[in-house]
């Protein structure tokens, strides 16, 4: 598997984890009384957040060379 395909897979996982985190937070905020005492939404929210953080770090590490180049280029201008 080349780097481009791996990054596509990482981006898809990031997107799904981000959406899951946002939707679970909104569900809890919009209908908290119906979800009161239901820890499932909280567990989903926490798990998706952890997955998002892990894959964000992986995403940054895969793109570190590009990030470094952009920062150095902007400092020179």
C-alpha atoms as a PDB file:
ATOM      1  CA  UNK A   1       0.000   0.000   0.000  1.00  0.00           C
ATOM      2  CA  UNK A   2       1.488   3.341  -0.994  1.00  0.00           C
ATOM      3  CA  UNK A   3       1.432   6.515   1.093  1.00  0.00           C
ATOM      4  CA  UNK A   4      -1.433   8.092  -0.856  1.00  0.00           C
ATOM      5  CA  UNK A   5      -3.771   5.133  -0.280  1.00  0.00           C
ATOM      6  CA  UNK A   6      -2.863   5.038   3.412  1.00  0.00           C
ATOM      7  CA  UNK A   7      -3.617   8.761   3.730  1.00  0.00           C
ATOM      8  CA  UNK A   8      -6.982   8.278   2.027  1.00  0.00           C
ATOM      9  CA  UNK A   9      -7.839   5.547   4.530  1.00  0.00           C
ATOM     10  CA  UNK A  10      -6.653   7.703   7.443  1.00  0.00           C
ATOM     11  CA  UNK A  11      -8.741  10.642   6.195  1.00  0.00           C
ATOM     12  CA  UNK A  12     -11.849   8.465   5.932  1.00  0.00           C
ATOM     13  CA  UNK A  13     -11.394   7.207   9.498  1.00  0.00           C
ATOM     14  CA  UNK A  14     -10.795  10.791  10.693  1.00  0.00           C
ATOM     15  CA  UNK A  15     -13.984  11.964   8.986  1.00  0.00           C
ATOM     16  CA  UNK A  16     -16.104   9.156  10.439  1.00  0.00           C
ATOM     17  CA  UNK A  17     -14.660   9.634  13.941  1.00  0.00           C
ATOM     18  CA  UNK A  18     -15.215  13.399  13.740  1.00  0.00           C
ATOM     19  CA  UNK A  19     -18.818  12.999  12.599  1.00  0.00           C
ATOM     20  CA  UNK A  20     -19.497  10.413  15.295  1.00  0.00           C
ATOM     21  CA  UNK A  21     -18.074  12.711  17.964  1.00  0.00           C
ATOM     22  CA  UNK A  22     -20.113  15.693  16.772  1.00  0.00           C
ATOM     23  CA  UNK A  23     -23.355  13.751  16.325  1.00  0.00           C
ATOM     24  CA  UNK A  24     -23.089  12.094  19.735  1.00  0.00           C
ATOM     25  CA  UNK A  25     -22.438  15.484  21.364  1.00  0.00           C
ATOM     26  CA  UNK A  26     -25.406  17.033  19.561  1.00  0.00           C
ATOM     27  CA  UNK A  27     -27.662  14.137  20.478  1.00  0.00           C
ATOM     28  CA  UNK A  28     -26.759  14.538  24.113  1.00  0.00           C
ATOM     29  CA  UNK A  29     -27.226  18.328  23.966  1.00  0.00           C
ATOM     30  CA  UNK A  30     -30.506  18.271  22.057  1.00  0.00           C
ATOM     31  CA  UNK A  31     -32.266  15.448  23.909  1.00  0.00           C
ATOM     32  CA  UNK A  32     -30.459  15.113  27.233  1.00  0.00           C
ATOM     33  CA  UNK A  33     -33.552  14.032  29.162  1.00  0.00           C
ATOM     34  CA  UNK A  34     -34.135  11.057  26.879  1.00  0.00           C
ATOM     35  CA  UNK A  35     -30.480  10.069  27.186  1.00  0.00           C
ATOM     36  CA  UNK A  36     -30.236  10.799  30.902  1.00  0.00           C
ATOM     37  CA  UNK A  37     -28.561   7.861  32.568  1.00  0.00           C
ATOM     38  CA  UNK A  38     -27.717   6.275  29.216  1.00  0.00           C
ATOM     39  CA  UNK A  39     -23.961   5.928  29.180  1.00  0.00           C
ATOM     40  CA  UNK A  40     -23.878   4.490  25.665  1.00  0.00           C
ATOM     41  CA  UNK A  41     -23.829   7.905  23.973  1.00  0.00           C
ATOM     42  CA  UNK A  42     -21.069   9.054  26.310  1.00  0.00           C
ATOM     43  CA  UNK A  43     -19.020   5.946  25.602  1.00  0.00           C
ATOM     44  CA  UNK A  44     -19.492   6.355  21.855  1.00  0.00           C
ATOM     45  CA  UNK A  45     -18.498  10.022  22.132  1.00  0.00           C
ATOM     46  CA  UNK A  46     -15.393   9.234  24.165  1.00  0.00           C
ATOM     47  CA  UNK A  47     -14.305   6.320  21.952  1.00  0.00           C
ATOM     48  CA  UNK A  48     -14.782   8.320  18.758  1.00  0.00           C
ATOM     49  CA  UNK A  49     -12.823  11.207  20.281  1.00  0.00           C
ATOM     50  CA  UNK A  50      -9.919   8.928  21.192  1.00  0.00           C
ATOM     51  CA  UNK A  51      -9.919   7.364  17.724  1.00  0.00           C
ATOM     52  CA  UNK A  52     -10.007  10.851  16.190  1.00  0.00           C
ATOM     53  CA  UNK A  53      -7.043  12.005  18.304  1.00  0.00           C
ATOM     54  CA  UNK A  54      -4.963   8.934  17.464  1.00  0.00           C
ATOM     55  CA  UNK A  55      -5.629   9.192  13.739  1.00  0.00           C
ATOM     56  CA  UNK A  56      -5.035  12.968  13.792  1.00  0.00           C
ATOM     57  CA  UNK A  57      -1.560  12.326  15.207  1.00  0.00           C
ATOM     58  CA  UNK A  58      -0.943   9.675  12.537  1.00  0.00           C
ATOM     59  CA  UNK A  59      -2.219  12.085   9.858  1.00  0.00           C
ATOM     60  CA  UNK A  60       0.120  14.841  11.053  1.00  0.00           C
ATOM     61  CA  UNK A  61       3.082  12.462  11.182  1.00  0.00           C
ATOM     62  CA  UNK A  62       2.415  11.305   7.615  1.00  0.00           C
ATOM     63  CA  UNK A  63       2.242  14.936   6.430  1.00  0.00           C
ATOM     64  CA  UNK A  64       5.021  16.319   8.618  1.00  0.00           C
ATOM     65  CA  UNK A  65       7.400  16.944   5.712  1.00  0.00           C
ATOM     66  CA  UNK A  66       4.772  19.040   3.913  1.00  0.00           C
ATOM     67  CA  UNK A  67       3.867  20.917   7.124  1.00  0.00           C
ATOM     68  CA  UNK A  68       7.527  21.696   7.785  1.00  0.00           C
ATOM     69  CA  UNK A  69       8.007  22.915   4.214  1.00  0.00           C
ATOM     70  CA  UNK A  70       4.990  25.222   4.478  1.00  0.00           C
ATOM     71  CA  UNK A  71       6.153  26.735   7.760  1.00  0.00           C
ATOM     72  CA  UNK A  72       9.704  27.318   6.536  1.00  0.00           C
ATOM     73  CA  UNK A  73       8.478  28.796   3.232  1.00  0.00           C
ATOM     74  CA  UNK A  74       6.147  31.230   4.999  1.00  0.00           C
ATOM     75  CA  UNK A  75       8.864  32.374   7.417  1.00  0.00           C
ATOM     76  CA  UNK A  76      11.191  33.232   4.513  1.00  0.00           C
ATOM     77  CA  UNK A  77       8.604  35.479   2.823  1.00  0.00           C
END
